[in-house]
């Protein structure tokens, strides 16, 4: 199992709107391609950030599922056009659980 940790920095004043849009529009679409492990937003440190973690069986599955997502008309027409203008920065990290991690 591998996990992808994605961190988005949202434009000031847009955090609530972004979370609402993701929950109502993005989540139903992306859930067809990946399993959400957790979704958080920052309250201290660098503000206006959303951190979410997705699980995949392996890196090959991740590549295939991301390719499928990027071809999904609903994603491209209903989520992306509203979401992208609210973003400042995006980061993605592949993380692997250690042997003692409660989530594997």
N, C-alpha and C. Protein backbone atom coordinates (compact mmCIF):
# COMPACT_ATOMS: atom_id res chain seq x y z
N UNK A 1 0.85 -1.18 0.00
CA UNK A 1 0.00 0.00 0.00
C UNK A 1 0.89 1.24 0.00
N UNK A 2 0.55 2.20 -0.83
CA UNK A 2 1.22 3.49 -0.82
C UNK A 2 0.17 4.58 -0.63
N UNK A 3 0.63 5.70 -0.13
CA UNK A 3 -0.26 6.81 0.14
C UNK A 3 0.27 8.05 -0.55
N UNK A 4 -0.65 8.88 -1.00
CA UNK A 4 -0.29 10.16 -1.57
C UNK A 4 -0.82 11.25 -0.65
N UNK A 5 0.08 12.10 -0.18
CA UNK A 5 -0.31 13.23 0.64
C UNK A 5 -0.28 14.47 -0.24
N UNK A 6 -1.43 15.07 -0.41
CA UNK A 6 -1.54 16.27 -1.24
C UNK A 6 -1.81 17.46 -0.33
N UNK A 7 -1.08 18.54 -0.56
CA UNK A 7 -1.24 19.77 0.21
C UNK A 7 -1.54 20.90 -0.76
N UNK A 8 -2.65 21.57 -0.52
CA UNK A 8 -3.04 22.71 -1.34
C UNK A 8 -3.04 23.95 -0.46
N UNK A 9 -2.44 25.02 -0.97
CA UNK A 9 -2.55 26.32 -0.32
C UNK A 9 -3.63 27.08 -1.06
N UNK A 10 -4.63 27.49 -0.30
CA UNK A 10 -5.81 28.14 -0.86
C UNK A 10 -5.69 29.66 -0.72
N UNK A 11 -6.20 30.38 -1.68
CA UNK A 11 -6.18 31.84 -1.60
C UNK A 11 -6.89 32.32 -0.34
N UNK A 12 -6.36 33.38 0.24
CA UNK A 12 -6.92 33.94 1.47
C UNK A 12 -8.40 34.27 1.24
N UNK A 13 -9.23 33.84 2.18
CA UNK A 13 -10.65 34.09 2.10
C UNK A 13 -11.45 33.05 1.33
N UNK A 14 -10.78 32.06 0.75
CA UNK A 14 -11.45 31.07 -0.09
C UNK A 14 -11.49 29.67 0.52
N UNK A 15 -10.94 29.49 1.73
CA UNK A 15 -10.82 28.16 2.31
C UNK A 15 -12.18 27.48 2.46
N UNK A 16 -13.13 28.14 3.07
CA UNK A 16 -14.46 27.56 3.26
C UNK A 16 -15.14 27.21 1.96
N UNK A 17 -15.03 28.11 1.01
CA UNK A 17 -15.64 27.88 -0.31
C UNK A 17 -15.00 26.68 -1.00
N UNK A 18 -13.66 26.57 -0.91
CA UNK A 18 -12.97 25.44 -1.53
C UNK A 18 -13.41 24.12 -0.89
N UNK A 19 -13.43 24.08 0.45
CA UNK A 19 -13.81 22.85 1.15
C UNK A 19 -15.24 22.46 0.77
N UNK A 20 -16.14 23.42 0.73
CA UNK A 20 -17.53 23.14 0.36
C UNK A 20 -17.62 22.59 -1.06
N UNK A 21 -16.90 23.20 -1.98
CA UNK A 21 -16.91 22.76 -3.38
C UNK A 21 -16.33 21.34 -3.49
N UNK A 22 -15.23 21.09 -2.76
CA UNK A 22 -14.64 19.76 -2.82
C UNK A 22 -15.60 18.72 -2.26
N UNK A 23 -16.22 19.02 -1.11
CA UNK A 23 -17.12 18.06 -0.48
C UNK A 23 -18.32 17.74 -1.38
N UNK A 24 -18.93 18.77 -1.96
CA UNK A 24 -20.16 18.57 -2.72
C UNK A 24 -19.92 18.10 -4.16
N UNK A 25 -18.85 18.57 -4.78
CA UNK A 25 -18.63 18.27 -6.20
C UNK A 25 -17.43 17.35 -6.41
N UNK A 26 -16.28 17.70 -5.84
CA UNK A 26 -15.06 16.94 -6.09
C UNK A 26 -15.03 15.56 -5.47
N UNK A 27 -15.44 15.47 -4.21
CA UNK A 27 -15.35 14.20 -3.49
C UNK A 27 -16.13 13.07 -4.15
N UNK A 28 -17.37 13.29 -4.58
CA UNK A 28 -18.09 12.19 -5.24
C UNK A 28 -17.40 11.71 -6.53
N UNK A 29 -16.71 12.61 -7.19
CA UNK A 29 -16.04 12.24 -8.44
C UNK A 29 -14.74 11.50 -8.14
N UNK A 30 -13.86 12.10 -7.35
CA UNK A 30 -12.55 11.51 -7.11
C UNK A 30 -12.63 10.19 -6.34
N UNK A 31 -13.71 10.00 -5.60
CA UNK A 31 -13.89 8.75 -4.85
C UNK A 31 -14.04 7.54 -5.75
N UNK A 32 -14.33 7.77 -7.01
CA UNK A 32 -14.39 6.66 -7.97
C UNK A 32 -12.99 6.14 -8.29
N UNK A 33 -11.96 6.94 -7.98
CA UNK A 33 -10.60 6.61 -8.40
C UNK A 33 -9.61 6.40 -7.26
N UNK A 34 -9.93 6.85 -6.07
CA UNK A 34 -9.00 6.73 -4.95
C UNK A 34 -9.78 6.68 -3.64
N UNK A 35 -9.14 6.09 -2.63
CA UNK A 35 -9.76 6.02 -1.31
C UNK A 35 -9.18 7.11 -0.42
N UNK A 36 -10.05 7.95 0.12
CA UNK A 36 -9.63 9.02 1.01
C UNK A 36 -9.33 8.45 2.39
N UNK A 37 -8.14 8.76 2.91
CA UNK A 37 -7.74 8.34 4.26
C UNK A 37 -8.05 9.45 5.26
N UNK A 38 -7.84 10.70 4.87
CA UNK A 38 -8.12 11.81 5.76
C UNK A 38 -8.05 13.13 5.00
N UNK A 39 -8.72 14.14 5.55
CA UNK A 39 -8.80 15.46 4.92
C UNK A 39 -8.80 16.49 6.04
N UNK A 40 -7.82 17.37 6.04
CA UNK A 40 -7.64 18.34 7.12
C UNK A 40 -7.38 19.73 6.55
N UNK A 41 -7.56 20.75 7.40
CA UNK A 41 -7.11 22.09 7.06
C UNK A 41 -6.34 22.64 8.25
N UNK A 42 -5.41 23.53 7.99
CA UNK A 42 -4.50 24.04 9.01
C UNK A 42 -5.16 25.11 9.86
N UNK A 43 -4.79 25.12 11.13
CA UNK A 43 -5.23 26.13 12.09
C UNK A 43 -4.04 26.91 12.65
N UNK A 44 -2.84 26.40 12.41
CA UNK A 44 -1.62 27.09 12.85
C UNK A 44 -0.53 26.80 11.83
N UNK A 45 0.61 27.47 12.00
CA UNK A 45 1.68 27.33 11.01
C UNK A 45 1.28 28.04 9.73
N UNK A 46 1.56 27.41 8.60
CA UNK A 46 1.15 28.00 7.32
C UNK A 46 -0.36 27.82 7.18
N UNK A 47 -1.06 28.92 7.13
CA UNK A 47 -2.52 28.89 7.11
C UNK A 47 -3.08 28.71 5.70
N UNK A 48 -4.37 28.49 5.65
CA UNK A 48 -5.08 28.33 4.38
C UNK A 48 -4.59 27.13 3.59
N UNK A 49 -4.21 26.08 4.31
CA UNK A 49 -3.79 24.86 3.64
C UNK A 49 -4.76 23.73 3.92
N UNK A 50 -4.91 22.90 2.91
CA UNK A 50 -5.70 21.67 3.01
C UNK A 50 -4.73 20.53 2.77
N UNK A 51 -4.78 19.53 3.63
CA UNK A 51 -3.94 18.35 3.48
C UNK A 51 -4.86 17.15 3.39
N UNK A 52 -4.68 16.34 2.36
CA UNK A 52 -5.47 15.13 2.26
C UNK A 52 -4.57 13.98 1.85
N UNK A 53 -4.93 12.79 2.31
CA UNK A 53 -4.15 11.58 2.03
C UNK A 53 -5.07 10.57 1.35
N UNK A 54 -4.54 9.99 0.28
CA UNK A 54 -5.25 9.00 -0.54
C UNK A 54 -4.45 7.71 -0.55
N UNK A 55 -5.12 6.57 -0.62
CA UNK A 55 -4.41 5.30 -0.66
C UNK A 55 -4.57 4.62 -2.01
N UNK A 56 -3.51 3.90 -2.37
CA UNK A 56 -3.47 3.11 -3.59
C UNK A 56 -2.74 1.80 -3.28
N UNK A 57 -3.04 0.78 -4.03
CA UNK A 57 -2.35 -0.50 -3.82
C UNK A 57 -0.87 -0.40 -4.11
N UNK A 58 -0.53 0.37 -5.14
CA UNK A 58 0.87 0.57 -5.53
C UNK A 58 0.95 1.79 -6.44
N UNK A 59 2.17 2.15 -6.83
CA UNK A 59 2.36 3.35 -7.66
C UNK A 59 1.74 3.19 -9.05
N UNK A 60 1.74 1.98 -9.58
CA UNK A 60 1.13 1.76 -10.89
C UNK A 60 -0.37 2.05 -10.85
N UNK A 61 -1.03 1.59 -9.78
CA UNK A 61 -2.46 1.87 -9.66
C UNK A 61 -2.69 3.38 -9.55
N UNK A 62 -1.84 4.06 -8.82
CA UNK A 62 -1.98 5.51 -8.68
C UNK A 62 -1.93 6.18 -10.05
N UNK A 63 -0.94 5.81 -10.85
CA UNK A 63 -0.79 6.39 -12.18
C UNK A 63 -2.04 6.15 -13.01
N UNK A 64 -2.53 4.91 -13.02
CA UNK A 64 -3.72 4.58 -13.82
C UNK A 64 -4.96 5.33 -13.33
N UNK A 65 -5.16 5.38 -12.03
CA UNK A 65 -6.34 6.04 -11.48
C UNK A 65 -6.29 7.56 -11.71
N UNK A 66 -5.10 8.16 -11.59
CA UNK A 66 -4.99 9.60 -11.85
C UNK A 66 -5.27 9.88 -13.33
N UNK A 67 -4.79 9.02 -14.22
CA UNK A 67 -5.07 9.19 -15.65
C UNK A 67 -6.57 9.12 -15.93
N UNK A 68 -7.24 8.17 -15.28
CA UNK A 68 -8.69 8.05 -15.45
C UNK A 68 -9.41 9.30 -14.92
N UNK A 69 -8.98 9.79 -13.76
CA UNK A 69 -9.57 11.00 -13.20
C UNK A 69 -9.43 12.18 -14.15
N UNK A 70 -8.24 12.33 -14.73
CA UNK A 70 -7.98 13.47 -15.62
C UNK A 70 -8.74 13.39 -16.94
N UNK A 71 -9.40 12.26 -17.19
CA UNK A 71 -10.25 12.11 -18.37
C UNK A 71 -11.74 12.19 -18.02
N UNK A 72 -12.05 12.26 -16.75
CA UNK A 72 -13.44 12.26 -16.29
C UNK A 72 -14.08 13.61 -16.63
N UNK A 73 -15.08 13.60 -17.47
CA UNK A 73 -15.73 14.83 -17.92
C UNK A 73 -16.35 15.61 -16.77
N UNK A 74 -16.92 14.90 -15.81
CA UNK A 74 -17.52 15.56 -14.65
C UNK A 74 -16.46 16.32 -13.86
N UNK A 75 -15.29 15.71 -13.66
CA UNK A 75 -14.16 16.34 -12.97
C UNK A 75 -13.71 17.58 -13.74
N UNK A 76 -13.55 17.42 -15.04
CA UNK A 76 -13.02 18.50 -15.88
C UNK A 76 -14.00 19.66 -16.04
N UNK A 77 -15.28 19.38 -16.07
CA UNK A 77 -16.27 20.43 -16.32
C UNK A 77 -16.88 21.02 -15.05
N UNK A 78 -17.02 20.20 -14.01
CA UNK A 78 -17.76 20.66 -12.84
C UNK A 78 -16.90 20.96 -11.61
N UNK A 79 -15.72 20.34 -11.53
CA UNK A 79 -14.88 20.61 -10.36
C UNK A 79 -13.73 21.56 -10.68
N UNK A 80 -12.94 21.21 -11.66
CA UNK A 80 -11.70 21.94 -11.97
C UNK A 80 -11.92 23.43 -12.26
N UNK A 81 -12.87 23.83 -13.10
CA UNK A 81 -12.98 25.26 -13.43
C UNK A 81 -13.23 26.16 -12.22
N UNK A 82 -13.94 25.68 -11.22
CA UNK A 82 -14.19 26.49 -10.03
C UNK A 82 -13.05 26.35 -9.01
N UNK A 83 -12.46 25.16 -8.91
CA UNK A 83 -11.43 24.91 -7.90
C UNK A 83 -10.09 25.57 -8.22
N UNK A 84 -9.63 25.48 -9.44
CA UNK A 84 -8.28 25.98 -9.77
C UNK A 84 -8.08 27.46 -9.45
N UNK A 85 -9.03 28.34 -9.73
CA UNK A 85 -8.81 29.75 -9.41
C UNK A 85 -8.67 30.04 -7.91
N UNK A 86 -9.07 29.09 -7.07
CA UNK A 86 -8.96 29.29 -5.62
C UNK A 86 -7.61 28.83 -5.07
N UNK A 87 -6.79 28.18 -5.89
CA UNK A 87 -5.52 27.61 -5.44
C UNK A 87 -4.36 28.59 -5.61
N UNK A 88 -3.46 28.58 -4.64
CA UNK A 88 -2.19 29.30 -4.72
C UNK A 88 -1.03 28.36 -5.08
N UNK A 89 -1.07 27.18 -4.46
CA UNK A 89 0.06 26.25 -4.60
C UNK A 89 -0.45 24.83 -4.37
N UNK A 90 0.25 23.87 -4.98
CA UNK A 90 -0.10 22.46 -4.82
C UNK A 90 1.16 21.64 -4.63
N UNK A 91 1.12 20.70 -3.69
CA UNK A 91 2.24 19.79 -3.47
C UNK A 91 1.70 18.37 -3.41
N UNK A 92 2.50 17.42 -3.85
CA UNK A 92 2.12 16.01 -3.77
C UNK A 92 3.33 15.20 -3.34
N UNK A 93 3.12 14.33 -2.35
CA UNK A 93 4.20 13.47 -1.86
C UNK A 93 3.67 12.04 -1.79
N UNK A 94 4.48 11.10 -2.25
CA UNK A 94 4.18 9.69 -2.06
C UNK A 94 4.82 9.30 -0.73
N UNK A 95 4.01 8.78 0.18
CA UNK A 95 4.52 8.40 1.49
C UNK A 95 4.22 6.92 1.72
N UNK A 96 5.14 6.24 2.40
CA UNK A 96 5.03 4.81 2.67
C UNK A 96 5.00 4.60 4.16
N UNK A 97 4.05 3.81 4.67
CA UNK A 97 3.97 3.61 6.12
C UNK A 97 5.15 2.79 6.64
N UNK A 98 5.59 3.13 7.82
CA UNK A 98 6.62 2.33 8.48
C UNK A 98 5.97 1.07 9.06
N UNK A 99 6.78 0.13 9.48
CA UNK A 99 6.28 -1.16 9.94
C UNK A 99 5.34 -1.05 11.13
N UNK A 100 5.48 -0.02 11.96
CA UNK A 100 4.65 0.12 13.16
C UNK A 100 3.49 1.10 12.97
N UNK A 101 3.29 1.61 11.77
CA UNK A 101 2.21 2.56 11.52
C UNK A 101 0.85 1.89 11.70
N UNK A 102 -0.07 2.54 12.42
CA UNK A 102 -1.40 1.95 12.56
C UNK A 102 -2.18 1.89 11.24
N UNK A 103 -1.83 2.74 10.31
CA UNK A 103 -2.44 2.70 8.97
C UNK A 103 -1.40 2.18 8.01
N UNK A 104 -1.74 1.12 7.31
CA UNK A 104 -0.78 0.50 6.36
C UNK A 104 -1.42 0.31 5.02
